[in-house]
């Protein structure tokens, strides 16, 4: 038939016979009607799983394109109309299964059937008509999803909200999975359209679920945070390896937050401002549990230790590293939230409310971290104070020089050990705190000496000399290449 049409086209072009022209138009109309009849029953006439049917459909489409170029008749447009009628009829048959009792597996199967059919048909239509099948039937698909799938989603949401908060986890998880199935289907399907997807009603599928059910989603994610206690309980607070100074509980907790909370946030891409609050409150719950568990894990470190020896508590250092890691992790989450607001219609105008809650989350972690840093310094100072007293009370210059050297060596050893055990930011933080504590001790010593000098200044000249040497040499203990906060050594006051 294709060759016959080409021959008639050539004959018409060379002779221009009226008879040939009329015969050609009549033949094209008859062929068009026949093909349209088949296309109106596409799903019964052509099974795209079979190669022979694919070949037949491809030939019919190519024939339509040829006839459209040979005749003033709207051949392809009429074929498009036939396809749209077929698709509407097919969707009506699929909608029968989408009643209130339909399970998620049934919905997923229906959407997968639609996706598979369109993917196979798209290749054929793109080759023959330079247009995807999805683009031809997009409004029929849109109507089907809004009229049949939206009510089903509404029933699922009602079931979640009607259940008591403590007894709705299974239904809540099913609603999350339903959202994921629908979103994945739309992402697989709509990129094939050459129109703005915003013209389709289904693009508002977020609204089918509503913010109340989203709160339930994050509530379930918050409850999962109790697994963090198990992570910390099983943690020996040892670095994972020579290059990673965090312990296992940090890695497991960050992975769990990613899997349970951040993954959910990225999945829903929720346009509602209130959703950000639910997300942040959920993160708040997770990091609060972790911070409290880490502090509790290191409780014994507050009581142990030799008061006469400035030992660096390695487990505390690892705990601080873990909290610093969680702190930086939450800051990364903040960046994701900022990006979502930059991409929304609201921009950053409403981000201020979100930022307040984020600061609350960061404050929880910082408070735990600062308390552990205080403990580290508290564990170091008992080894420093006796040595400083010996410097001030030395009876000879030689003894004083030895005591000064011992004091500085002890502080240097502590700081070096801290550097080996702490991540860079945690190390800088503890140096600031340790420097502040040491300078406070030195100021107190100066104050005591000044009081004593009122009795006999000459008796304490050696003490002033030793103290002066300590003040001059102490900054060297805190000097490290690449340190972003250099210490000047000035005591102030």
Protein backbone atom coordinates (compact mmCIF):
# COMPACT_ATOMS: atom_id res chain seq x y z
CA UNK A 1 0.00 0.00 0.00
CA UNK A 2 2.85 2.35 0.80
CA UNK A 3 4.41 1.73 -2.66
CA UNK A 4 1.05 2.20 -4.38
CA UNK A 5 0.56 5.58 -2.75
CA UNK A 6 4.05 6.67 -3.73
CA UNK A 7 3.35 5.61 -7.34
CA UNK A 8 0.07 7.52 -7.38
CA UNK A 9 1.81 10.55 -5.92
CA UNK A 10 4.41 10.47 -8.71
CA UNK A 11 1.71 9.99 -11.37
CA UNK A 12 -0.27 12.90 -10.00
CA UNK A 13 2.81 15.07 -9.93
CA UNK A 14 3.79 14.32 -13.54
CA UNK A 15 0.35 14.25 -15.23
CA UNK A 16 -1.93 16.25 -12.98
CA UNK A 17 -4.96 14.08 -13.92
CA UNK A 18 -8.17 15.00 -12.13
CA UNK A 19 -9.16 11.36 -12.07
CA UNK A 20 -5.95 10.33 -10.37
CA UNK A 21 -6.32 13.15 -7.84
CA UNK A 22 -9.87 12.16 -6.91
CA UNK A 23 -8.94 8.50 -6.70
CA UNK A 24 -6.01 9.31 -4.46
CA UNK A 25 -8.12 11.43 -2.08
CA UNK A 26 -10.75 8.69 -1.91
CA UNK A 27 -8.15 6.04 -1.21
CA UNK A 28 -6.47 8.16 1.45
CA UNK A 29 -9.80 8.79 3.18
CA UNK A 30 -10.65 5.08 3.16
CA UNK A 31 -7.23 4.17 4.51
CA UNK A 32 -7.41 6.90 7.14
CA UNK A 33 -10.81 5.67 8.36
CA UNK A 34 -9.52 2.11 8.53
CA UNK A 35 -6.40 3.08 10.48
CA UNK A 36 -8.39 5.32 12.82
CA UNK A 37 -10.72 2.44 13.57
CA UNK A 38 -7.71 0.40 14.60
CA UNK A 39 -6.19 3.24 16.63
CA UNK A 40 -9.48 3.71 18.49
CA UNK A 41 -8.91 0.16 19.73
CA UNK A 42 -5.14 0.41 20.08
CA UNK A 43 -4.94 -1.67 23.25
CA UNK A 44 -6.94 -4.51 21.66
CA UNK A 45 -5.40 -4.29 18.20
CA UNK A 46 -1.73 -3.86 19.03
CA UNK A 47 0.13 -5.62 21.82
CA UNK A 48 3.46 -3.85 21.95
CA UNK A 49 5.08 -6.80 23.68
CA UNK A 50 5.02 -8.58 20.31
CA UNK A 51 7.44 -7.54 17.59
CA UNK A 52 4.94 -8.24 14.80
CA UNK A 53 2.38 -5.87 16.34
CA UNK A 54 5.07 -3.24 16.79
CA UNK A 55 5.94 -3.52 13.10
CA UNK A 56 2.27 -3.25 12.07
CA UNK A 57 1.68 -0.18 14.22
CA UNK A 58 4.87 1.45 12.98
CA UNK A 59 3.72 0.88 9.39
CA UNK A 60 0.29 2.36 10.10
CA UNK A 61 1.81 5.47 11.67
CA UNK A 62 4.25 5.93 8.79
CA UNK A 63 1.37 5.56 6.35
CA UNK A 64 -0.56 8.28 8.19
CA UNK A 65 2.42 10.61 7.94
CA UNK A 66 2.76 9.92 4.21
CA UNK A 67 -0.95 10.44 3.53
CA UNK A 68 -0.89 13.64 5.53
CA UNK A 69 1.85 14.98 3.27
CA UNK A 70 -0.04 13.93 0.10
CA UNK A 71 -3.52 15.17 0.94
CA UNK A 72 -5.16 18.32 2.28
CA UNK A 73 -7.15 16.06 4.61
CA UNK A 74 -6.15 16.24 8.32
CA UNK A 75 -4.96 12.66 8.41
CA UNK A 76 -2.60 12.84 11.39
CA UNK A 77 -4.96 15.07 13.38
CA UNK A 78 -7.81 12.60 12.91
CA UNK A 79 -5.47 9.79 13.99
CA UNK A 80 -4.56 11.77 17.10
CA UNK A 81 -8.26 12.11 17.93
CA UNK A 82 -8.71 8.36 17.53
CA UNK A 83 -5.80 7.72 19.86
CA UNK A 84 -7.21 10.08 22.47
CA UNK A 85 -10.59 8.29 22.34
CA UNK A 86 -8.81 4.98 22.80
CA UNK A 87 -6.79 6.25 25.73
CA UNK A 88 -9.85 7.68 27.48
CA UNK A 89 -11.66 4.36 27.10
CA UNK A 90 -8.62 2.47 28.43
CA UNK A 91 -8.31 4.74 31.45
CA UNK A 92 -12.00 4.26 32.21
CA UNK A 93 -11.42 0.51 32.35
CA UNK A 94 -8.44 0.99 34.66
CA UNK A 95 -10.39 3.33 36.93
CA UNK A 96 -12.76 0.50 37.89
CA UNK A 97 -10.01 -0.95 40.09
CA UNK A 98 -9.32 2.36 41.86
CA UNK A 99 -12.01 2.21 44.49
CA UNK A 100 -11.72 2.91 48.20
CA UNK A 101 -10.56 -0.64 48.90
CA UNK A 102 -7.76 -0.62 46.33
CA UNK A 103 -4.38 -1.37 47.85
CA UNK A 104 -1.18 0.48 47.09
CA UNK A 105 0.10 -2.52 45.14
CA UNK A 106 -2.94 -2.26 42.84
CA UNK A 107 -2.31 1.45 42.29
CA UNK A 108 1.38 0.85 41.63
CA UNK A 109 0.51 -1.90 39.14
CA UNK A 110 -1.89 0.38 37.25
CA UNK A 111 0.61 3.23 37.06
CA UNK A 112 3.34 0.85 35.98
CA UNK A 113 1.08 -0.51 33.23
CA UNK A 114 0.48 3.04 31.97
CA UNK A 115 4.17 3.94 32.17
CA UNK A 116 5.30 0.77 30.38
CA UNK A 117 2.77 1.23 27.58
CA UNK A 118 3.71 4.87 27.07
CA UNK A 119 7.42 4.15 27.06
CA UNK A 120 7.01 1.54 24.34
CA UNK A 121 4.58 3.67 22.32
CA UNK A 122 6.73 6.77 22.65
CA UNK A 123 9.59 5.20 20.71
CA UNK A 124 7.29 4.35 17.80
CA UNK A 125 5.49 7.67 17.66
CA UNK A 126 8.72 9.64 18.00
CA UNK A 127 10.16 7.82 14.99
CA UNK A 128 7.03 8.11 12.83
CA UNK A 129 5.52 11.44 13.84
CA UNK A 130 8.37 13.14 15.68
CA UNK A 131 6.07 13.41 18.69
CA UNK A 132 5.71 11.30 21.81
CA UNK A 133 2.61 9.27 22.48
CA UNK A 134 2.52 10.82 25.96
CA UNK A 135 2.21 14.27 24.43
CA UNK A 136 -0.75 13.16 22.32
CA UNK A 137 -2.75 11.74 25.23
CA UNK A 138 -1.50 13.99 28.06
CA UNK A 139 -4.89 15.57 28.80
CA UNK A 140 -6.61 12.18 28.92
CA UNK A 141 -3.92 11.00 31.34
CA UNK A 142 -4.29 14.17 33.40
CA UNK A 143 -8.07 13.71 33.63
CA UNK A 144 -7.69 10.07 34.66
CA UNK A 145 -5.21 10.86 37.43
CA UNK A 146 -7.30 13.71 38.82
CA UNK A 147 -10.66 11.94 38.60
CA UNK A 148 -9.56 8.47 39.73
CA UNK A 149 -6.24 8.67 41.56
CA UNK A 150 -6.91 11.84 43.55
CA UNK A 151 -9.99 10.40 45.33
CA UNK A 152 -8.01 7.26 46.18
CA UNK A 153 -5.29 9.41 47.76
CA UNK A 154 -7.98 11.25 49.71
CA UNK A 155 -9.22 7.96 51.17
CA UNK A 156 -5.70 7.02 52.25
CA UNK A 157 -5.15 10.40 53.90
CA UNK A 158 -8.48 10.16 55.73
CA UNK A 159 -7.48 6.74 57.05
CA UNK A 160 -4.21 8.13 58.41
CA UNK A 161 -5.78 11.16 60.07
CA UNK A 162 -8.64 9.12 61.53
CA UNK A 163 -6.21 6.78 63.30
CA UNK A 164 -4.86 7.61 66.78
CA UNK A 165 -1.38 9.11 66.63
CA UNK A 166 0.18 6.13 68.42
CA UNK A 167 -1.58 3.58 66.24
CA UNK A 168 -1.22 4.96 62.73
CA UNK A 169 2.36 4.09 61.79
CA UNK A 170 1.50 1.41 59.21
CA UNK A 171 -1.08 3.61 57.46
CA UNK A 172 1.31 6.56 57.62
CA UNK A 173 4.14 4.59 56.02
CA UNK A 174 1.73 3.41 53.31
CA UNK A 175 0.78 7.02 52.55
CA UNK A 176 4.47 7.94 52.23
CA UNK A 177 4.95 5.06 49.82
CA UNK A 178 1.88 6.17 47.86
CA UNK A 179 3.35 9.65 47.52
CA UNK A 180 6.64 8.17 46.32
CA UNK A 181 4.92 5.93 43.76
CA UNK A 182 2.90 8.82 42.33
CA UNK A 183 5.84 11.20 42.27
CA UNK A 184 8.08 8.65 40.55
CA UNK A 185 5.41 7.97 37.93
CA UNK A 186 5.00 11.67 37.16
CA UNK A 187 8.76 12.22 37.01
CA UNK A 188 9.09 9.34 34.57
CA UNK A 189 6.18 10.49 32.42
CA UNK A 190 6.00 14.28 32.24
CA UNK A 191 9.57 15.03 31.14
CA UNK A 192 8.47 13.57 27.79
CA UNK A 193 6.00 16.40 27.25
CA UNK A 194 6.87 19.38 25.07
CA UNK A 195 4.47 21.65 26.98
CA UNK A 196 4.73 23.35 30.32
CA UNK A 197 3.69 20.68 32.87
CA UNK A 198 2.13 23.42 35.00
CA UNK A 199 -0.89 23.39 32.66
CA UNK A 200 -1.76 19.92 33.96
CA UNK A 201 -3.90 19.61 37.07
CA UNK A 202 -2.00 16.58 38.32
CA UNK A 203 1.03 18.75 39.00
CA UNK A 204 -0.79 19.86 42.15
CA UNK A 205 -0.67 16.32 43.51
CA UNK A 206 1.06 17.63 46.66
CA UNK A 207 -2.25 19.19 47.66
CA UNK A 208 -3.95 15.80 47.51
CA UNK A 209 -2.04 14.79 50.63
CA UNK A 210 -2.11 18.03 52.65
CA UNK A 211 0.15 19.36 55.38
CA UNK A 212 -1.60 17.47 58.20
CA UNK A 213 -0.56 14.10 56.86
CA UNK A 214 2.95 15.42 56.28
CA UNK A 215 3.13 16.17 60.01
CA UNK A 216 2.30 12.50 60.60
CA UNK A 217 5.12 11.48 58.26
CA UNK A 218 7.69 13.44 60.24
CA UNK A 219 6.17 12.26 63.51
CA UNK A 220 6.87 8.66 62.48
CA UNK A 221 10.38 9.69 61.44
CA UNK A 222 10.88 11.31 64.86
CA UNK A 223 9.91 8.13 66.69
CA UNK A 224 12.62 6.26 64.83
CA UNK A 225 15.21 8.46 66.59
CA UNK A 226 15.24 6.05 69.56
CA UNK A 227 17.59 3.80 67.58
CA UNK A 228 20.28 6.42 68.24
CA UNK A 229 20.50 5.31 71.87
CA UNK A 230 21.46 1.87 70.65
CA UNK A 231 24.14 3.32 68.37
CA UNK A 232 25.71 5.20 71.28
CA UNK A 233 25.37 2.30 73.72
CA UNK A 234 27.31 0.05 71.34
CA UNK A 235 29.95 2.72 70.65
CA UNK A 236 33.33 2.42 72.34
CA UNK A 237 34.11 6.05 71.46
CA UNK A 238 37.19 5.11 69.48
CA UNK A 239 38.06 6.70 66.12
CA UNK A 240 36.94 4.66 63.13
CA UNK A 241 40.48 4.64 61.74
CA UNK A 242 43.70 6.65 61.66
CA UNK A 243 42.25 9.19 59.23
CA UNK A 244 38.75 9.54 60.68
CA UNK A 245 38.46 10.89 64.21
CA UNK A 246 34.71 10.28 64.52
CA UNK A 247 33.32 7.18 66.17
CA UNK A 248 30.81 4.68 64.84
CA UNK A 249 27.77 6.26 66.51
CA UNK A 250 28.21 9.52 64.59
CA UNK A 251 28.35 7.75 61.24
CA UNK A 252 25.36 5.54 62.06
CA UNK A 253 23.34 8.48 63.38
CA UNK A 254 24.07 10.68 60.35
CA UNK A 255 23.18 7.80 58.04
CA UNK A 256 19.96 7.17 59.96
CA UNK A 257 18.93 10.84 59.82
CA UNK A 258 19.61 10.78 56.09
CA UNK A 259 17.54 7.65 55.58
CA UNK A 260 14.62 8.57 57.86
CA UNK A 261 14.39 12.36 57.73
CA UNK A 262 16.40 14.04 54.96
CA UNK A 263 15.37 11.44 52.40
CA UNK A 264 11.74 12.16 53.29
CA UNK A 265 12.30 15.91 52.99
CA UNK A 266 13.92 15.54 49.58
CA UNK A 267 11.20 13.16 48.47
CA UNK A 268 8.24 15.40 49.16
CA UNK A 269 9.77 18.70 47.97
CA UNK A 270 6.89 20.27 49.84
CA UNK A 271 5.92 23.79 48.77
CA UNK A 272 4.16 24.57 52.07
CA UNK A 273 6.06 26.74 54.55
CA UNK A 274 4.80 24.71 57.52
CA UNK A 275 6.48 21.59 56.16
CA UNK A 276 9.87 23.14 56.90
CA UNK A 277 8.90 23.39 60.56
CA UNK A 278 7.94 19.71 60.70
CA UNK A 279 11.24 18.77 59.07
CA UNK A 280 13.35 20.87 61.42
CA UNK A 281 11.45 19.69 64.50
CA UNK A 282 12.15 16.13 63.41
CA UNK A 283 15.87 16.83 63.00
CA UNK A 284 15.76 18.55 66.41
CA UNK A 285 14.43 15.36 67.98
CA UNK A 286 17.17 13.22 66.44
CA UNK A 287 20.09 15.45 67.39
CA UNK A 288 18.69 16.01 70.89
CA UNK A 289 18.60 12.27 71.49
CA UNK A 290 22.13 11.90 70.13
CA UNK A 291 23.60 14.81 72.09
CA UNK A 292 22.06 13.59 75.35
CA UNK A 293 23.20 10.02 74.73
CA UNK A 294 26.78 11.10 74.01
CA UNK A 295 26.89 13.23 77.15
CA UNK A 296 25.54 10.35 79.21
CA UNK A 297 28.09 8.00 77.65
CA UNK A 298 30.94 10.22 78.84
CA UNK A 299 29.56 10.72 82.36
CA UNK A 300 32.29 8.54 83.86
CA UNK A 301 34.97 10.76 82.33
CA UNK A 302 33.88 13.60 84.61
CA UNK A 303 34.78 11.62 87.71
CA UNK A 304 37.83 9.67 86.56
CA UNK A 305 41.37 10.87 86.16
CA UNK A 306 44.35 11.70 88.31
CA UNK A 307 44.13 15.22 89.65
CA UNK A 308 47.93 15.52 89.68
CA UNK A 309 48.37 14.45 86.07
CA UNK A 310 47.28 16.51 83.05
CA UNK A 311 46.05 13.57 80.98
CA UNK A 312 44.12 14.09 77.76
CA UNK A 313 40.86 12.11 77.90
CA UNK A 314 40.78 10.49 74.45
CA UNK A 315 37.18 9.25 74.73
CA UNK A 316 36.02 12.77 75.48
CA UNK A 317 37.90 14.04 72.45
CA UNK A 318 36.13 11.52 70.23
CA UNK A 319 32.78 12.50 71.77
CA UNK A 320 33.48 16.16 70.98
CA UNK A 321 34.42 15.19 67.42
CA UNK A 322 31.11 13.37 67.10
CA UNK A 323 29.15 16.40 68.26
CA UNK A 324 31.12 18.69 65.96
CA UNK A 325 30.33 16.28 63.14
CA UNK A 326 26.61 16.40 63.91
CA UNK A 327 26.85 20.19 64.13
CA UNK A 328 28.36 20.44 60.65
CA UNK A 329 25.85 17.91 59.39
CA UNK A 330 22.93 20.07 60.57
CA UNK A 331 24.56 23.07 58.89
CA UNK A 332 24.57 21.08 55.65
CA UNK A 333 20.86 20.41 56.18
CA UNK A 334 20.38 24.14 56.60
CA UNK A 335 21.98 24.67 53.19
CA UNK A 336 19.48 22.23 51.66
CA UNK A 337 16.61 24.18 53.22
CA UNK A 338 18.01 27.48 51.93
CA UNK A 339 18.23 25.96 48.45
CA UNK A 340 14.59 24.88 48.64
CA UNK A 341 13.51 28.40 49.57
CA UNK A 342 15.60 29.93 46.82
CA UNK A 343 13.76 27.74 44.36
CA UNK A 344 10.29 28.57 45.66
CA UNK A 345 7.94 31.43 44.91
CA UNK A 346 8.37 32.72 48.45
CA UNK A 347 12.14 33.03 48.11
CA UNK A 348 13.92 33.75 51.37
CA UNK A 349 11.32 36.19 52.69
CA UNK A 350 9.85 33.56 55.01
CA UNK A 351 13.10 31.85 55.87
CA UNK A 352 13.52 33.89 59.06
CA UNK A 353 11.02 31.75 60.98
CA UNK A 354 12.79 28.61 59.83
CA UNK A 355 16.17 30.03 60.79
CA UNK A 356 14.99 30.56 64.38
CA UNK A 357 14.17 26.88 64.70
CA UNK A 358 17.43 25.89 63.07
CA UNK A 359 19.36 27.96 65.60
CA UNK A 360 17.53 26.09 68.33
CA UNK A 361 18.74 22.78 66.87
CA UNK A 362 22.30 24.06 66.60
CA UNK A 363 22.05 25.41 70.14
CA UNK A 364 21.27 21.94 71.52
CA UNK A 365 24.40 20.48 69.94
CA UNK A 366 26.61 23.43 70.84
CA UNK A 367 25.53 23.25 74.48
CA UNK A 368 26.47 19.56 74.70
CA UNK A 369 29.74 20.17 72.88
CA UNK A 370 30.67 23.10 75.14
CA UNK A 371 29.97 21.05 78.25
CA UNK A 372 32.30 18.32 77.03
CA UNK A 373 34.98 20.88 76.15
CA UNK A 374 34.69 22.23 79.69
CA UNK A 375 35.25 18.73 81.03
CA UNK A 376 38.34 18.29 78.85
CA UNK A 377 39.84 21.53 80.16
CA UNK A 378 38.78 20.68 83.70
CA UNK A 379 40.65 17.38 83.35
CA UNK A 380 43.79 19.20 82.18
CA UNK A 381 43.96 22.05 84.69
CA UNK A 382 44.64 19.95 87.82
CA UNK A 383 47.94 18.96 86.26
CA UNK A 384 48.80 22.59 85.46
CA UNK A 385 47.96 24.33 88.73
CA UNK A 386 50.47 22.44 90.95
CA UNK A 387 53.26 23.06 88.44
CA UNK A 388 52.45 26.77 88.34
CA UNK A 389 52.51 26.89 92.14
CA UNK A 390 55.97 25.27 92.11
CA UNK A 391 57.20 27.95 89.71
CA UNK A 392 56.01 30.67 92.06
CA UNK A 393 57.42 29.03 95.18
CA UNK A 394 60.79 27.86 93.78
CA UNK A 395 63.68 28.62 96.17
CA UNK A 396 66.42 28.86 93.55
CA UNK A 397 66.72 30.15 90.01
CA UNK A 398 67.81 26.74 88.80
CA UNK A 399 64.80 25.05 90.40
CA UNK A 400 62.49 27.69 89.00
CA UNK A 401 63.84 27.25 85.47
CA UNK A 402 63.27 23.52 85.78
CA UNK A 403 59.72 24.08 87.03
CA UNK A 404 58.97 26.56 84.21
CA UNK A 405 60.32 24.08 81.69
CA UNK A 406 58.24 21.29 83.22
CA UNK A 407 55.09 23.41 83.15
CA UNK A 408 55.53 24.39 79.51
CA UNK A 409 56.41 20.85 78.49
CA UNK A 410 53.30 19.56 80.22
CA UNK A 411 51.05 22.10 78.49
CA UNK A 412 52.70 21.45 75.12
CA UNK A 413 52.22 17.70 75.54
CA UNK A 414 48.54 18.22 76.40
CA UNK A 415 47.92 20.54 73.47
CA UNK A 416 49.79 18.24 71.06
CA UNK A 417 47.74 15.29 72.25
CA UNK A 418 44.55 17.29 71.83
CA UNK A 419 45.55 18.12 68.29
CA UNK A 420 46.10 14.42 67.58
CA UNK A 421 42.72 13.43 69.00
CA UNK A 422 40.45 16.29 67.92
CA UNK A 423 39.13 17.37 64.55
CA UNK A 424 40.42 20.78 63.40
CA UNK A 425 37.40 22.85 64.46
CA UNK A 426 37.07 21.06 67.78
CA UNK A 427 40.80 21.52 68.39
CA UNK A 428 40.57 25.27 67.81
CA UNK A 429 37.54 25.47 70.09
CA UNK A 430 39.30 23.69 72.96
CA UNK A 431 42.44 25.80 72.48
CA UNK A 432 40.38 28.97 72.89
CA UNK A 433 38.83 27.59 76.05
CA UNK A 434 42.11 26.26 77.46
CA UNK A 435 43.88 29.55 76.71
CA UNK A 436 41.14 31.45 78.52
CA UNK A 437 41.42 29.18 81.57
CA UNK A 438 45.22 29.42 81.69
CA UNK A 439 45.22 33.19 81.36
CA UNK A 440 42.68 33.34 84.18
CA UNK A 441 45.04 31.28 86.36
CA UNK A 442 47.92 33.57 85.52
CA UNK A 443 45.88 36.68 86.33
CA UNK A 444 44.89 35.16 89.65
CA UNK A 445 48.56 34.41 90.40
CA UNK A 446 49.53 37.99 89.53
CA UNK A 447 46.80 39.29 91.80
CA UNK A 448 47.97 37.15 94.71
CA UNK A 449 51.58 38.23 94.22
CA UNK A 450 50.59 41.89 94.18
CA UNK A 451 48.76 41.41 97.45
CA UNK A 452 51.77 39.73 99.01
CA UNK A 453 54.13 42.41 97.69
CA UNK A 454 52.41 44.83 99.99
CA UNK A 455 54.17 42.97 102.81
CA UNK A 456 57.63 42.48 101.28
CA UNK A 457 58.11 43.07 97.56
CA UNK A 458 61.69 41.77 97.56
CA UNK A 459 60.57 38.40 98.88
CA UNK A 460 58.50 37.77 95.75
CA UNK A 461 60.74 39.17 93.00
CA UNK A 462 61.77 35.64 91.95
CA UNK A 463 58.11 34.65 91.71
CA UNK A 464 57.42 37.64 89.42
CA UNK A 465 60.41 36.67 87.29
CA UNK A 466 59.21 33.08 86.93
CA UNK A 467 55.69 34.23 86.14
CA UNK A 468 57.03 36.64 83.52
CA UNK A 469 58.88 33.81 81.79
CA UNK A 470 55.74 31.66 81.77
CA UNK A 471 53.69 34.51 80.27
CA UNK A 472 56.30 35.06 77.54
CA UNK A 473 56.71 31.38 76.68
CA UNK A 474 53.11 30.16 77.01
CA UNK A 475 51.90 31.35 73.55
CA UNK A 476 54.49 29.05 71.94
CA UNK A 477 52.56 26.09 73.31
CA UNK A 478 49.55 27.25 71.29
CA UNK A 479 51.31 27.99 68.01
CA UNK A 480 50.44 25.57 65.20
CA UNK A 481 50.82 25.91 61.46
CA UNK A 482 47.51 26.55 59.73
CA UNK A 483 45.70 27.55 62.91
CA UNK A 484 42.98 30.00 61.92
CA UNK A 485 42.92 31.75 65.30
CA UNK A 486 46.49 32.75 66.26
CA UNK A 487 47.03 33.42 69.95
CA UNK A 488 48.76 36.69 70.72
CA UNK A 489 49.77 35.81 74.24
CA UNK A 490 48.35 39.04 75.66
CA UNK A 491 46.62 38.48 78.96
CA UNK A 492 44.71 41.73 79.02
CA UNK A 493 43.73 43.50 82.24
